[in-house]
Amino acid sequence: MPDNDDVLHAIQRMNKLLALVAVKGLEDKEAVLTLVHAGYTQAEIATLLGKKPSAVSMTVLRAKPKKESAAATETAATNGEGE
C-alpha cells in the first residue's frame, strides 16, 4: 500500500495536469487569469506555465479594472477622506 507521501505526490501531479488541461488553448493572459480565479498563487502559475513570476504578476496587475482605483478615489472624496 502506498504511503502518505506517495499519495500526496500523486494528487499533486493530478492537480497540475488538471490545471494544464483547464487552460489548454487559452491565450497566456486568459490562462493566468483562469488559474488565479481557481486559487493558484502567482508563483504556482508561473511554474505551471513556464513563465517568470514577474510576468505573471504583470498580467494580473494589468487585468485589474481601472474603475476600482477610480471608484476608491471617488468614495474617499465623498467620505471627506484625503483632505
C-alpha atoms as a PDB file:
ATOM      1  CA  MET A   1       0.000   0.000   0.000  1.00  0.00           C
ATOM      2  CA  PRO A   2       1.397   3.459  -0.876  1.00  0.00           C
ATOM      3  CA  ASP A   3       2.409   5.713   1.973  1.00  0.00           C
ATOM      4  CA  ASN A   4       1.030   9.208   2.538  1.00  0.00           C
ATOM      5  CA  ASP A   5       3.906  10.878   0.663  1.00  0.00           C
ATOM      6  CA  ASP A   6       3.220   8.777  -2.430  1.00  0.00           C
ATOM      7  CA  VAL A   7      -0.488   9.606  -2.306  1.00  0.00           C
ATOM      8  CA  LEU A   8       0.240  13.314  -1.835  1.00  0.00           C
ATOM      9  CA  HIS A   9       2.673  13.289  -4.757  1.00  0.00           C
ATOM     10  CA  ALA A  10       0.098  11.564  -6.992  1.00  0.00           C
ATOM     11  CA  ILE A  11      -2.581  14.107  -6.045  1.00  0.00           C
ATOM     12  CA  GLN A  12      -0.207  16.993  -6.748  1.00  0.00           C
ATOM     13  CA  ARG A  13       0.592  15.547 -10.176  1.00  0.00           C
ATOM     14  CA  MET A  14      -3.105  15.140 -10.989  1.00  0.00           C
ATOM     15  CA  ASN A  15      -3.801  18.686  -9.803  1.00  0.00           C
ATOM     16  CA  LYS A  16      -1.067  20.040 -12.080  1.00  0.00           C
ATOM     17  CA  LEU A  17      -2.389  18.035 -15.009  1.00  0.00           C
ATOM     18  CA  LEU A  18      -5.960  19.251 -14.450  1.00  0.00           C
ATOM     19  CA  ALA A  19      -4.754  22.860 -14.278  1.00  0.00           C
ATOM     20  CA  LEU A  20      -2.902  22.474 -17.573  1.00  0.00           C
ATOM     21  CA  VAL A  21      -5.924  20.865 -19.233  1.00  0.00           C
ATOM     22  CA  ALA A  22      -8.143  23.690 -17.966  1.00  0.00           C
ATOM     23  CA  VAL A  23      -6.033  26.340 -19.708  1.00  0.00           C
ATOM     24  CA  LYS A  24      -5.029  24.398 -22.815  1.00  0.00           C
ATOM     25  CA  GLY A  25      -5.531  26.519 -25.908  1.00  0.00           C
ATOM     26  CA  LEU A  26      -6.073  29.750 -23.985  1.00  0.00           C
ATOM     27  CA  GLU A  27      -4.016  32.867 -24.592  1.00  0.00           C
ATOM     28  CA  ASP A  28      -1.437  33.490 -21.859  1.00  0.00           C
ATOM     29  CA  LYS A  29      -3.470  36.276 -20.261  1.00  0.00           C
ATOM     30  CA  GLU A  30      -6.628  34.171 -20.080  1.00  0.00           C
ATOM     31  CA  ALA A  31      -4.675  31.171 -18.781  1.00  0.00           C
ATOM     32  CA  VAL A  32      -3.150  33.255 -15.993  1.00  0.00           C
ATOM     33  CA  LEU A  33      -6.476  34.791 -15.007  1.00  0.00           C
ATOM     34  CA  THR A  34      -8.246  31.425 -15.092  1.00  0.00           C
ATOM     35  CA  LEU A  35      -5.672  29.946 -12.741  1.00  0.00           C
ATOM     36  CA  VAL A  36      -5.809  32.991 -10.442  1.00  0.00           C
ATOM     37  CA  HIS A  37      -9.580  32.562 -10.187  1.00  0.00           C
ATOM     38  CA  ALA A  38      -9.046  28.862  -9.466  1.00  0.00           C
ATOM     39  CA  GLY A  39      -6.981  29.821  -6.428  1.00  0.00           C
ATOM     40  CA  TYR A  40      -3.440  29.252  -7.637  1.00  0.00           C
ATOM     41  CA  THR A  41      -0.731  31.607  -6.406  1.00  0.00           C
ATOM     42  CA  GLN A  42       1.202  33.653  -8.912  1.00  0.00           C
ATOM     43  CA  ALA A  43       4.312  31.561  -8.182  1.00  0.00           C
ATOM     44  CA  GLU A  44       2.401  28.345  -8.872  1.00  0.00           C
ATOM     45  CA  ILE A  45       1.019  29.784 -12.105  1.00  0.00           C
ATOM     46  CA  ALA A  46       4.484  30.802 -13.234  1.00  0.00           C
ATOM     47  CA  THR A  47       5.738  27.274 -12.634  1.00  0.00           C
ATOM     48  CA  LEU A  48       2.770  25.664 -14.378  1.00  0.00           C
ATOM     49  CA  LEU A  49       3.002  27.879 -17.455  1.00  0.00           C
ATOM     50  CA  GLY A  50       6.797  28.063 -17.621  1.00  0.00           C
ATOM     51  CA  LYS A  51       6.848  31.818 -17.098  1.00  0.00           C
ATOM     52  CA  LYS A  52       8.698  34.139 -14.781  1.00  0.00           C
ATOM     53  CA  PRO A  53       6.756  35.159 -11.662  1.00  0.00           C
ATOM     54  CA  SER A  54       7.186  38.821 -12.641  1.00  0.00           C
ATOM     55  CA  ALA A  55       5.436  38.176 -15.977  1.00  0.00           C
ATOM     56  CA  VAL A  56       2.505  36.567 -14.180  1.00  0.00           C
ATOM     57  CA  SER A  57       2.356  39.478 -11.714  1.00  0.00           C
ATOM     58  CA  MET A  58       2.271  41.998 -14.556  1.00  0.00           C
ATOM     59  CA  THR A  59      -0.510  40.085 -16.298  1.00  0.00           C
ATOM     60  CA  VAL A  60      -2.593  40.084 -13.117  1.00  0.00           C
ATOM     61  CA  LEU A  61      -1.863  43.756 -12.436  1.00  0.00           C
ATOM     62  CA  ARG A  62      -2.798  44.831 -15.962  1.00  0.00           C
ATOM     63  CA  ALA A  63      -6.028  42.831 -15.820  1.00  0.00           C
ATOM     64  CA  LYS A  64      -7.342  44.687 -12.781  1.00  0.00           C
ATOM     65  CA  PRO A  65     -10.044  47.139 -13.816  1.00  0.00           C
ATOM     66  CA  LYS A  66      -9.047  50.762 -13.570  1.00  0.00           C
ATOM     67  CA  LYS A  67     -12.544  51.504 -12.287  1.00  0.00           C
ATOM     68  CA  GLU A  68     -11.554  50.044  -8.905  1.00  0.00           C
ATOM     69  CA  SER A  69      -8.973  52.714  -8.206  1.00  0.00           C
ATOM     70  CA  ALA A  70     -11.196  55.462  -9.613  1.00  0.00           C
ATOM     71  CA  ALA A  71     -14.129  54.240  -7.505  1.00  0.00           C
ATOM     72  CA  ALA A  72     -11.922  54.131  -4.398  1.00  0.00           C
ATOM     73  CA  THR A  73     -10.745  57.697  -5.024  1.00  0.00           C
ATOM     74  CA  GLU A  74     -14.324  58.853  -5.558  1.00  0.00           C
ATOM     75  CA  THR A  75     -15.515  57.110  -2.385  1.00  0.00           C
ATOM     76  CA  ALA A  76     -12.671  58.661  -0.370  1.00  0.00           C
ATOM     77  CA  ALA A  77     -13.526  62.121  -1.709  1.00  0.00           C
ATOM     78  CA  THR A  78     -17.218  61.617  -0.947  1.00  0.00           C
ATOM     79  CA  ASN A  79     -16.428  60.499   2.607  1.00  0.00           C
ATOM     80  CA  GLY A  80     -14.182  63.514   3.168  1.00  0.00           C
ATOM     81  CA  GLU A  81     -11.057  61.386   3.313  1.00  0.00           C
ATOM     82  CA  GLY A  82      -7.822  62.581   1.893  1.00  0.00           C
ATOM     83  CA  GLU A  83      -8.409  66.183   2.815  1.00  0.00           C
END
